[in-house]
Amino acid sequence: MKPGKEKFISIAVMVGFLIALAGCRAHVVKLNLINTSTQPVKTIIVDYPNATFGKDKLAPGETFSYTIKPLDTGMIHVQFTDATGTVHTYTGTTLHKGSRGEIEVNLNQSGVVVKPSVKD
């Protein structure tokens, strides 16, 4: 086989692999933590089925995105502290193993507003 032909076959195989990979549906949920207030929020903790993540603080208007892969069924729990030191909590939005989509978590000085767009 000619050297140019081997390179062409390698590239064709790689392109085919990338096309097949692009067709796969990842079963993940993107969580967007958004500080919608004019003051910072801090000590943000997000619990979801079988795992937890956190963020030290979010400045006013700042967004932090985190991708999770639900491995079990359960609710999301969000806790954070506002600028005056008051702790706010939210429990809701049930995730299932294999859920996919996006959840917008708006944090402000009076609480949490969650906008889920998740499919099981």
N, C-alpha and C. Protein backbone atom coordinates (compact mmCIF):
# COMPACT_ATOMS: atom_id res chain seq x y z
N MET A 1 0.84 -1.18 0.00
CA MET A 1 0.00 0.00 0.00
C MET A 1 0.89 1.25 0.00
N LYS A 2 0.50 2.24 -0.76
CA LYS A 2 1.28 3.47 -0.85
C LYS A 2 1.14 4.28 0.44
N PRO A 3 2.20 5.00 0.86
CA PRO A 3 2.15 5.80 2.09
C PRO A 3 1.00 6.81 2.12
N GLY A 4 0.67 7.43 1.03
CA GLY A 4 -0.42 8.40 0.98
C GLY A 4 -1.77 7.75 1.24
N LYS A 5 -1.93 6.51 0.74
CA LYS A 5 -3.18 5.79 0.90
C LYS A 5 -3.39 5.39 2.36
N GLU A 6 -2.33 5.01 3.05
CA GLU A 6 -2.42 4.65 4.48
C GLU A 6 -2.87 5.85 5.30
N LYS A 7 -2.32 7.02 4.99
CA LYS A 7 -2.69 8.23 5.70
C LYS A 7 -4.18 8.55 5.47
N PHE A 8 -4.62 8.39 4.21
CA PHE A 8 -6.02 8.65 3.89
C PHE A 8 -6.94 7.71 4.67
N ILE A 9 -6.59 6.42 4.73
CA ILE A 9 -7.41 5.44 5.46
C ILE A 9 -7.45 5.79 6.94
N SER A 10 -6.31 6.18 7.52
CA SER A 10 -6.26 6.56 8.93
C SER A 10 -7.17 7.75 9.21
N ILE A 11 -7.11 8.74 8.33
CA ILE A 11 -7.96 9.92 8.51
C ILE A 11 -9.44 9.55 8.36
N ALA A 12 -9.76 8.70 7.39
CA ALA A 12 -11.14 8.28 7.18
C ALA A 12 -11.67 7.52 8.40
N VAL A 13 -10.85 6.66 8.99
CA VAL A 13 -11.26 5.92 10.19
C VAL A 13 -11.49 6.89 11.34
N MET A 14 -10.60 7.86 11.51
CA MET A 14 -10.74 8.83 12.59
C MET A 14 -12.00 9.67 12.41
N VAL A 15 -12.27 10.12 11.20
CA VAL A 15 -13.48 10.90 10.94
C VAL A 15 -14.73 10.07 11.24
N GLY A 16 -14.72 8.81 10.82
CA GLY A 16 -15.85 7.93 11.12
C GLY A 16 -16.07 7.75 12.61
N PHE A 17 -14.98 7.60 13.36
CA PHE A 17 -15.07 7.47 14.81
C PHE A 17 -15.65 8.74 15.43
N LEU A 18 -15.20 9.90 14.99
CA LEU A 18 -15.70 11.16 15.54
C LEU A 18 -17.18 11.37 15.23
N ILE A 19 -17.60 10.98 14.04
CA ILE A 19 -19.03 11.09 13.69
C ILE A 19 -19.86 10.17 14.57
N ALA A 20 -19.39 8.95 14.79
CA ALA A 20 -20.11 8.01 15.66
C ALA A 20 -20.16 8.53 17.09
N LEU A 21 -19.08 9.08 17.55
CA LEU A 21 -19.03 9.62 18.91
C LEU A 21 -19.98 10.79 19.07
N ALA A 22 -20.08 11.64 18.07
CA ALA A 22 -20.97 12.80 18.12
C ALA A 22 -22.43 12.37 18.21
N GLY A 23 -22.75 11.21 17.69
CA GLY A 23 -24.13 10.73 17.73
C GLY A 23 -24.54 10.16 19.07
N CYS A 24 -23.58 9.90 19.95
CA CYS A 24 -23.90 9.36 21.28
C CYS A 24 -24.51 10.43 22.15
N ARG A 25 -25.50 10.06 22.94
CA ARG A 25 -26.12 10.99 23.86
C ARG A 25 -25.52 10.80 25.24
N ALA A 26 -24.90 11.83 25.74
CA ALA A 26 -24.34 11.77 27.08
C ALA A 26 -25.46 11.98 28.08
N HIS A 27 -25.51 11.15 29.07
CA HIS A 27 -26.53 11.27 30.10
C HIS A 27 -25.97 12.07 31.25
N VAL A 28 -25.87 13.38 31.02
CA VAL A 28 -25.35 14.30 32.03
C VAL A 28 -26.31 15.48 32.16
N VAL A 29 -26.18 16.15 33.29
CA VAL A 29 -26.99 17.34 33.56
C VAL A 29 -26.02 18.49 33.86
N LYS A 30 -26.19 19.58 33.17
CA LYS A 30 -25.37 20.76 33.41
C LYS A 30 -26.10 21.65 34.40
N LEU A 31 -25.45 21.92 35.53
CA LEU A 31 -26.01 22.83 36.54
C LEU A 31 -25.33 24.18 36.40
N ASN A 32 -26.12 25.22 36.24
CA ASN A 32 -25.60 26.58 36.15
C ASN A 32 -26.00 27.32 37.42
N LEU A 33 -25.02 27.63 38.26
CA LEU A 33 -25.26 28.42 39.46
C LEU A 33 -25.07 29.88 39.07
N ILE A 34 -26.11 30.70 39.25
CA ILE A 34 -26.06 32.09 38.82
C ILE A 34 -26.42 33.00 39.99
N ASN A 35 -25.54 33.93 40.31
CA ASN A 35 -25.85 34.92 41.34
C ASN A 35 -26.60 36.05 40.66
N THR A 36 -27.90 36.12 40.87
CA THR A 36 -28.74 37.13 40.23
C THR A 36 -28.91 38.37 41.09
N SER A 37 -28.19 38.44 42.22
CA SER A 37 -28.33 39.59 43.11
C SER A 37 -27.20 40.59 42.90
N THR A 38 -27.27 41.70 43.63
CA THR A 38 -26.27 42.76 43.52
C THR A 38 -25.18 42.61 44.58
N GLN A 39 -25.23 41.53 45.36
CA GLN A 39 -24.21 41.28 46.37
C GLN A 39 -23.71 39.84 46.22
N PRO A 40 -22.52 39.55 46.74
CA PRO A 40 -21.99 38.20 46.60
C PRO A 40 -22.76 37.17 47.43
N VAL A 41 -22.68 35.92 46.99
CA VAL A 41 -23.18 34.79 47.78
C VAL A 41 -21.99 33.87 47.98
N LYS A 42 -22.00 33.10 49.08
CA LYS A 42 -20.83 32.27 49.38
C LYS A 42 -21.22 30.93 49.96
N THR A 43 -20.23 30.09 50.14
CA THR A 43 -20.37 28.74 50.70
C THR A 43 -21.55 28.01 50.06
N ILE A 44 -21.45 27.84 48.76
CA ILE A 44 -22.52 27.19 47.98
C ILE A 44 -22.24 25.69 47.94
N ILE A 45 -23.22 24.91 48.37
CA ILE A 45 -23.09 23.45 48.39
C ILE A 45 -24.27 22.86 47.61
N VAL A 46 -23.98 21.99 46.67
CA VAL A 46 -25.01 21.31 45.89
C VAL A 46 -24.86 19.81 46.09
N ASP A 47 -25.89 19.20 46.67
CA ASP A 47 -25.95 17.74 46.84
C ASP A 47 -26.89 17.20 45.78
N TYR A 48 -26.49 16.12 45.15
CA TYR A 48 -27.34 15.42 44.19
C TYR A 48 -27.12 13.93 44.41
N PRO A 49 -27.92 13.06 43.82
CA PRO A 49 -27.82 11.63 44.12
C PRO A 49 -26.39 11.09 44.06
N ASN A 50 -25.89 10.67 45.20
CA ASN A 50 -24.57 10.03 45.37
C ASN A 50 -23.36 10.95 45.24
N ALA A 51 -23.54 12.26 45.25
CA ALA A 51 -22.38 13.14 45.14
C ALA A 51 -22.70 14.56 45.61
N THR A 52 -21.64 15.35 45.75
CA THR A 52 -21.74 16.74 46.19
C THR A 52 -20.66 17.56 45.50
N PHE A 53 -20.96 18.81 45.22
CA PHE A 53 -19.92 19.75 44.79
C PHE A 53 -20.22 21.09 45.42
N GLY A 54 -19.25 21.97 45.41
CA GLY A 54 -19.44 23.27 46.01
C GLY A 54 -18.66 24.35 45.30
N LYS A 55 -18.96 25.56 45.67
CA LYS A 55 -18.29 26.76 45.14
C LYS A 55 -18.15 27.73 46.30
N ASP A 56 -16.95 28.25 46.48
CA ASP A 56 -16.67 29.13 47.60
C ASP A 56 -17.53 30.39 47.57
N LYS A 57 -17.55 31.08 46.44
CA LYS A 57 -18.41 32.27 46.34
C LYS A 57 -18.67 32.62 44.89
N LEU A 58 -19.74 33.38 44.70
CA LEU A 58 -20.08 33.91 43.38
C LEU A 58 -20.29 35.42 43.52
N ALA A 59 -19.63 36.18 42.69
CA ALA A 59 -19.80 37.63 42.67
C ALA A 59 -21.15 37.96 42.02
N PRO A 60 -21.66 39.16 42.22
CA PRO A 60 -22.91 39.55 41.58
C PRO A 60 -22.85 39.35 40.06
N GLY A 61 -23.86 38.68 39.52
CA GLY A 61 -23.92 38.42 38.09
C GLY A 61 -23.06 37.27 37.59
N GLU A 62 -22.26 36.67 38.46
CA GLU A 62 -21.36 35.59 38.04
C GLU A 62 -22.11 34.26 37.88
N THR A 63 -21.66 33.45 36.92
CA THR A 63 -22.21 32.12 36.68
C THR A 63 -21.11 31.09 36.83
N PHE A 64 -21.45 29.97 37.48
CA PHE A 64 -20.53 28.84 37.59
C PHE A 64 -21.27 27.62 37.06
N SER A 65 -20.70 26.93 36.08
CA SER A 65 -21.33 25.75 35.48
C SER A 65 -20.58 24.50 35.90
N TYR A 66 -21.35 23.44 36.17
CA TYR A 66 -20.78 22.17 36.61
C TYR A 66 -21.62 21.06 36.00
N THR A 67 -20.98 20.08 35.41
CA THR A 67 -21.68 18.97 34.78
C THR A 67 -21.67 17.76 35.71
N ILE A 68 -22.85 17.18 35.91
CA ILE A 68 -22.97 16.00 36.77
C ILE A 68 -23.55 14.84 35.97
N LYS A 69 -23.29 13.64 36.44
CA LYS A 69 -23.86 12.44 35.83
C LYS A 69 -24.63 11.70 36.93
N PRO A 70 -25.96 11.85 36.94
CA PRO A 70 -26.74 11.18 37.98
C PRO A 70 -26.62 9.65 37.85
N LEU A 71 -26.24 9.01 38.95
CA LEU A 71 -26.09 7.55 38.98
C LEU A 71 -27.17 6.88 39.80
N ASP A 72 -28.09 7.67 40.33
CA ASP A 72 -29.17 7.15 41.16
C ASP A 72 -30.32 8.15 41.11
N THR A 73 -31.43 7.82 41.75
CA THR A 73 -32.57 8.72 41.84
C THR A 73 -32.52 9.48 43.15
N GLY A 74 -32.80 10.77 43.08
CA GLY A 74 -32.84 11.59 44.29
C GLY A 74 -33.01 13.04 43.93
N MET A 75 -33.21 13.85 44.98
CA MET A 75 -33.44 15.28 44.79
C MET A 75 -32.14 16.06 44.88
N ILE A 76 -32.17 17.23 44.28
CA ILE A 76 -31.07 18.17 44.39
C ILE A 76 -31.31 19.01 45.65
N HIS A 77 -30.25 19.23 46.41
CA HIS A 77 -30.29 20.09 47.59
C HIS A 77 -29.25 21.18 47.37
N VAL A 78 -29.67 22.44 47.52
CA VAL A 78 -28.76 23.57 47.36
C VAL A 78 -28.77 24.37 48.65
N GLN A 79 -27.58 24.73 49.11
CA GLN A 79 -27.45 25.56 50.31
C GLN A 79 -26.41 26.64 50.02
N PHE A 80 -26.68 27.87 50.47
CA PHE A 80 -25.70 28.95 50.31
C PHE A 80 -25.93 30.00 51.39
N THR A 81 -24.94 30.87 51.54
CA THR A 81 -25.02 31.95 52.52
C THR A 81 -25.05 33.27 51.76
N ASP A 82 -25.99 34.15 52.15
CA ASP A 82 -26.08 35.45 51.49
C ASP A 82 -25.11 36.45 52.12
N ALA A 83 -25.16 37.69 51.67
CA ALA A 83 -24.20 38.71 52.12
C ALA A 83 -24.36 39.08 53.60
N THR A 84 -25.54 38.82 54.18
CA THR A 84 -25.74 39.14 55.60
C THR A 84 -25.43 37.97 56.51
N GLY A 85 -25.07 36.81 55.94
CA GLY A 85 -24.76 35.63 56.73
C GLY A 85 -25.92 34.67 56.91
N THR A 86 -27.05 34.95 56.29
CA THR A 86 -28.22 34.07 56.37
C THR A 86 -28.04 32.89 55.44
N VAL A 87 -28.32 31.69 55.94
CA VAL A 87 -28.21 30.47 55.14
C VAL A 87 -29.55 30.19 54.49
N HIS A 88 -29.52 29.93 53.19
CA HIS A 88 -30.72 29.61 52.42
C HIS A 88 -30.58 28.18 51.89
N THR A 89 -31.71 27.47 51.82
CA THR A 89 -31.69 26.10 51.30
C THR A 89 -32.82 25.89 50.29
N TYR A 90 -32.60 24.93 49.43
CA TYR A 90 -33.59 24.51 48.44
C TYR A 90 -33.50 23.00 48.32
N THR A 91 -34.65 22.35 48.30
CA THR A 91 -34.71 20.91 48.04
C THR A 91 -35.79 20.68 47.00
N GLY A 92 -35.44 19.99 45.94
CA GLY A 92 -36.41 19.72 44.89
C GLY A 92 -35.72 19.28 43.63
N THR A 93 -36.43 19.26 42.54
CA THR A 93 -35.96 18.80 41.24
C THR A 93 -35.33 17.41 41.37
N THR A 94 -36.15 16.41 41.16
CA THR A 94 -35.69 15.03 41.26
C THR A 94 -34.95 14.62 39.99
N LEU A 95 -33.78 14.03 40.20
CA LEU A 95 -32.99 13.47 39.10
C LEU A 95 -33.07 11.95 39.16
N HIS A 96 -32.97 11.32 38.01
CA HIS A 96 -32.96 9.86 37.92
C HIS A 96 -31.67 9.43 37.23
N LYS A 97 -31.30 8.19 37.44
CA LYS A 97 -30.14 7.66 36.73
C LYS A 97 -30.40 7.84 35.23
N GLY A 98 -29.44 8.43 34.54
CA GLY A 98 -29.59 8.66 33.12
C GLY A 98 -30.26 9.97 32.75
N SER A 99 -30.63 10.80 33.74
CA SER A 99 -31.21 12.10 33.41
C SER A 99 -30.23 12.91 32.58
N ARG A 100 -30.77 13.77 31.73
CA ARG A 100 -29.92 14.64 30.93
C ARG A 100 -30.63 15.98 30.74
N GLY A 101 -29.84 17.00 30.55
CA GLY A 101 -30.40 18.33 30.34
C GLY A 101 -29.64 19.40 31.08
N GLU A 102 -30.38 20.39 31.55
CA GLU A 102 -29.75 21.54 32.18
C GLU A 102 -30.65 22.06 33.30
N ILE A 103 -30.03 22.55 34.35
CA ILE A 103 -30.77 23.15 35.46
C ILE A 103 -30.13 24.49 35.77
N GLU A 104 -30.94 25.54 35.74
CA GLU A 104 -30.48 26.88 36.09
C GLU A 104 -30.86 27.12 37.55
N VAL A 105 -29.85 27.42 38.37
CA VAL A 105 -30.06 27.67 39.80
C VAL A 105 -29.71 29.13 40.05
N ASN A 106 -30.76 29.96 40.20
CA ASN A 106 -30.56 31.38 40.44
C ASN A 106 -30.52 31.64 41.94
N LEU A 107 -29.40 32.17 42.39
CA LEU A 107 -29.21 32.49 43.81
C LEU A 107 -29.32 33.99 43.99
N ASN A 108 -30.07 34.41 45.01
CA ASN A 108 -30.15 35.83 45.32
C ASN A 108 -30.20 36.00 46.83
N GLN A 109 -30.30 37.20 47.30
CA GLN A 109 -30.22 37.46 48.73
C GLN A 109 -31.46 36.98 49.49
N SER A 110 -32.51 36.58 48.79
CA SER A 110 -33.70 36.09 49.49
C SER A 110 -33.99 34.62 49.26
N GLY A 111 -33.16 33.92 48.48
CA GLY A 111 -33.39 32.50 48.30
C GLY A 111 -32.90 31.96 46.97
N VAL A 112 -33.54 30.88 46.54
CA VAL A 112 -33.14 30.15 45.33
C VAL A 112 -34.35 30.03 44.40
N VAL A 113 -34.11 30.24 43.12
CA VAL A 113 -35.12 29.99 42.09
C VAL A 113 -34.50 29.01 41.11
N VAL A 114 -35.14 27.85 40.94
CA VAL A 114 -34.58 26.80 40.08
C VAL A 114 -35.44 26.64 38.85
N LYS A 115 -34.76 26.56 37.69
CA LYS A 115 -35.44 26.38 36.41
C LYS A 115 -34.88 25.13 35.74
N PRO A 116 -35.54 23.98 35.98
CA PRO A 116 -35.02 22.74 35.39
C PRO A 116 -35.50 22.52 33.96
N SER A 117 -34.63 21.93 33.17
CA SER A 117 -34.97 21.49 31.82
C SER A 117 -34.27 20.13 31.64
N VAL A 118 -34.87 19.12 32.30
CA VAL A 118 -34.25 17.81 32.41
C VAL A 118 -35.19 16.74 31.86
N LYS A 119 -34.60 15.78 31.15
CA LYS A 119 -35.34 14.62 30.64
C LYS A 119 -34.75 13.37 31.26
N ASP A 120 -35.62 12.40 31.52
CA ASP A 120 -35.15 11.11 32.06
C ASP A 120 -34.88 10.13 30.96
